[in-house]
Amino acid sequence: MKNLAFQKVGDYFVLVHNAMAPTDEEWEDWMQHYTYASILIVTDGGAPTASQRKRLKMRVDELRASPSYVPNKKEPKVATVTASSFVRGVITALRWFYHDAYAAFPPEHINQALTYLDVPPRYHIAMKTAVQTLRLQLKKAKAGGPSKTMPDEG
């Protein structure tokens, strides 16, 4: 079963979780593709495990230590879209520590999430389409159908 799917749209990533935590294999695949960019996360409640969050921190540290990293460049943001008030509360707590790096939105406010990420309007439709495509991939994988993560579109 597949719990995580992602796609790049322009300079942004779209990451979709179902209600389960991603497998370590899925997370490692995501880490191999992740560049220092803002992310739109849409989740049905699934989230990375503690060890996966640690791996994400290591990946961000790797990217910041690379010769191509530009200090003082605009830091990436993460917008999480979920119906779960619990998850939105956790994200709100993260804002206390990371200031404007994280924000949470209910599903009906996806446009506000895209605005928060500073996604140019020309990418809004592509980002929303990516969410739908990735959700469909996860549903097909749950049903036993073929599934493919599309890491780079746009």
Protein backbone atom coordinates (compact mmCIF):
# COMPACT_ATOMS: atom_id res chain seq x y z
CA MET A 1 0.00 0.00 0.00
CA LYS A 2 1.20 3.49 -0.82
CA ASN A 3 0.79 6.25 1.78
CA LEU A 4 2.69 9.14 0.20
CA ALA A 5 2.91 10.65 -3.27
CA PHE A 6 4.62 13.81 -4.45
CA GLN A 7 5.16 15.94 -7.51
CA LYS A 8 7.11 19.07 -8.34
CA VAL A 9 5.20 21.94 -9.91
CA GLY A 10 7.40 24.82 -10.97
CA ASP A 11 9.61 25.68 -7.98
CA TYR A 12 7.20 24.04 -5.49
CA PHE A 13 6.44 20.55 -4.25
CA VAL A 14 3.05 18.99 -3.70
CA LEU A 15 3.06 16.20 -1.13
CA VAL A 16 -0.06 14.11 -0.46
CA HIS A 17 -0.50 11.72 2.48
CA ASN A 18 -3.40 9.39 3.09
CA ALA A 19 -4.36 8.64 6.72
CA MET A 20 -1.25 6.53 7.38
CA ALA A 21 2.39 7.44 8.00
CA PRO A 22 4.59 6.93 4.94
CA THR A 23 6.81 3.89 4.84
CA ASP A 24 10.52 4.49 5.36
CA GLU A 25 11.06 3.54 1.70
CA GLU A 26 8.54 6.16 0.53
CA TRP A 27 10.10 8.78 2.79
CA GLU A 28 13.60 8.04 1.54
CA ASP A 29 12.37 8.36 -2.07
CA TRP A 30 10.88 11.75 -1.16
CA MET A 31 14.13 12.82 0.52
CA GLN A 32 16.10 11.94 -2.63
CA HIS A 33 13.88 14.26 -4.69
CA TYR A 34 13.41 17.08 -2.17
CA THR A 35 15.26 20.30 -2.90
CA TYR A 36 15.16 23.37 -0.68
CA ALA A 37 11.72 24.52 -1.81
CA SER A 38 8.32 25.37 -0.39
CA ILE A 39 5.83 22.53 -0.01
CA LEU A 40 2.06 22.20 -0.18
CA ILE A 41 1.10 19.20 1.95
CA VAL A 42 -2.38 17.74 1.72
CA THR A 43 -3.07 15.03 4.28
CA ASP A 44 -5.93 12.85 5.42
CA GLY A 45 -4.11 12.61 8.76
CA GLY A 46 -0.93 10.75 7.83
CA ALA A 47 2.35 12.36 8.82
CA PRO A 48 6.01 11.40 8.98
CA THR A 49 7.25 9.39 11.94
CA ALA A 50 9.78 10.81 14.40
CA SER A 51 12.65 9.09 12.57
CA GLN A 52 11.38 10.42 9.24
CA ARG A 53 11.21 13.96 10.62
CA LYS A 54 14.79 13.53 11.81
CA ARG A 55 15.76 12.42 8.29
CA LEU A 56 14.06 15.53 6.88
CA LYS A 57 16.09 17.73 9.21
CA MET A 58 19.25 15.94 8.04
CA ARG A 59 18.23 16.53 4.40
CA VAL A 60 17.62 20.24 5.00
CA ASP A 61 21.00 20.48 6.76
CA GLU A 62 22.63 18.74 3.75
CA LEU A 63 21.00 21.20 1.37
CA ARG A 64 22.02 24.19 3.48
CA ALA A 65 25.63 22.92 3.57
CA SER A 66 25.82 22.47 -0.21
CA PRO A 67 27.90 24.93 -2.27
CA SER A 68 24.78 25.99 -4.18
CA TYR A 69 23.00 27.17 -1.01
CA VAL A 70 22.52 30.94 -0.93
CA PRO A 71 22.43 32.32 2.64
CA ASN A 72 19.70 34.86 3.30
CA LYS A 73 17.72 33.47 0.39
CA LYS A 74 14.02 33.36 1.12
CA GLU A 75 13.42 30.37 3.37
CA PRO A 76 10.95 27.75 2.15
CA LYS A 77 7.52 27.52 3.72
CA VAL A 78 5.25 24.54 4.37
CA ALA A 79 1.48 24.83 4.05
CA THR A 80 -0.50 21.86 5.33
CA VAL A 81 -4.07 21.39 4.13
CA THR A 82 -6.13 18.98 6.22
CA ALA A 83 -9.60 18.48 7.61
CA SER A 84 -8.04 17.35 10.90
CA SER A 85 -8.29 20.07 13.54
CA PHE A 86 -5.74 18.10 15.59
CA VAL A 87 -3.14 18.27 12.77
CA ARG A 88 -3.86 21.97 12.24
CA GLY A 89 -3.29 22.50 15.97
CA VAL A 90 0.08 20.72 15.80
CA ILE A 91 1.09 22.93 12.86
CA THR A 92 0.01 26.02 14.78
CA ALA A 93 2.31 24.93 17.63
CA LEU A 94 5.18 24.55 15.14
CA ARG A 95 4.63 28.18 14.09
CA TRP A 96 5.53 29.23 17.64
CA PHE A 97 9.01 27.79 17.13
CA TYR A 98 9.54 28.34 13.41
CA HIS A 99 7.66 31.63 12.96
CA ASP A 100 6.34 31.87 9.41
CA ALA A 101 7.76 28.59 8.13
CA TYR A 102 4.59 26.56 8.77
CA ALA A 103 0.87 27.18 8.42
CA ALA A 104 -2.21 24.96 8.36
CA PHE A 105 -5.44 25.36 6.45
CA PRO A 106 -8.74 23.49 6.17
CA PRO A 107 -9.40 21.96 2.71
CA GLU A 108 -11.77 24.75 1.68
CA HIS A 109 -8.90 27.25 2.09
CA ILE A 110 -6.44 25.73 -0.37
CA ASN A 111 -6.26 29.06 -2.23
CA GLN A 112 -5.08 30.76 0.97
CA ALA A 113 -2.47 28.00 1.38
CA LEU A 114 -1.14 28.71 -2.11
CA THR A 115 -1.05 32.43 -1.39
CA TYR A 116 0.78 31.78 1.89
CA LEU A 117 3.42 29.82 -0.09
CA ASP A 118 3.74 32.74 -2.54
CA VAL A 119 2.77 30.44 -5.43
CA PRO A 120 2.26 32.61 -8.52
CA PRO A 121 -1.35 32.50 -9.73
CA ARG A 122 -0.22 30.89 -13.01
CA TYR A 123 0.65 27.73 -10.98
CA HIS A 124 -2.54 27.52 -8.88
CA ILE A 125 -4.42 25.26 -11.28
CA ALA A 126 -1.36 23.03 -11.78
CA MET A 127 -0.90 22.70 -8.01
CA LYS A 128 -4.56 21.80 -7.45
CA THR A 129 -4.45 19.34 -10.36
CA ALA A 130 -1.34 17.74 -8.84
CA VAL A 131 -3.21 17.28 -5.54
CA GLN A 132 -6.05 15.51 -7.33
CA THR A 133 -3.70 13.35 -9.41
CA LEU A 134 -1.68 12.32 -6.37
CA ARG A 135 -4.81 11.54 -4.35
CA LEU A 136 -6.00 9.33 -7.19
CA GLN A 137 -2.63 7.53 -7.24
CA LEU A 138 -2.92 6.78 -3.53
CA LYS A 139 -6.49 5.53 -3.92
CA LYS A 140 -5.48 3.27 -6.82
CA ALA A 141 -2.56 1.93 -4.79
CA LYS A 142 -4.92 1.19 -1.87
CA ALA A 143 -7.21 -0.68 -4.27
CA GLY A 144 -4.24 -2.62 -5.61
CA GLY A 145 -3.97 -0.79 -8.93
CA PRO A 146 -0.80 0.54 -10.51
CA SER A 147 0.70 3.60 -8.91
CA LYS A 148 3.49 5.97 -9.96
CA THR A 149 4.95 8.93 -8.15
CA MET A 150 5.66 11.86 -10.48
CA PRO A 151 8.54 13.75 -8.88
CA ASP A 152 9.04 16.46 -11.48
CA GLU A 153 6.25 18.12 -13.41
CA GLY A 154 6.01 21.73 -14.41
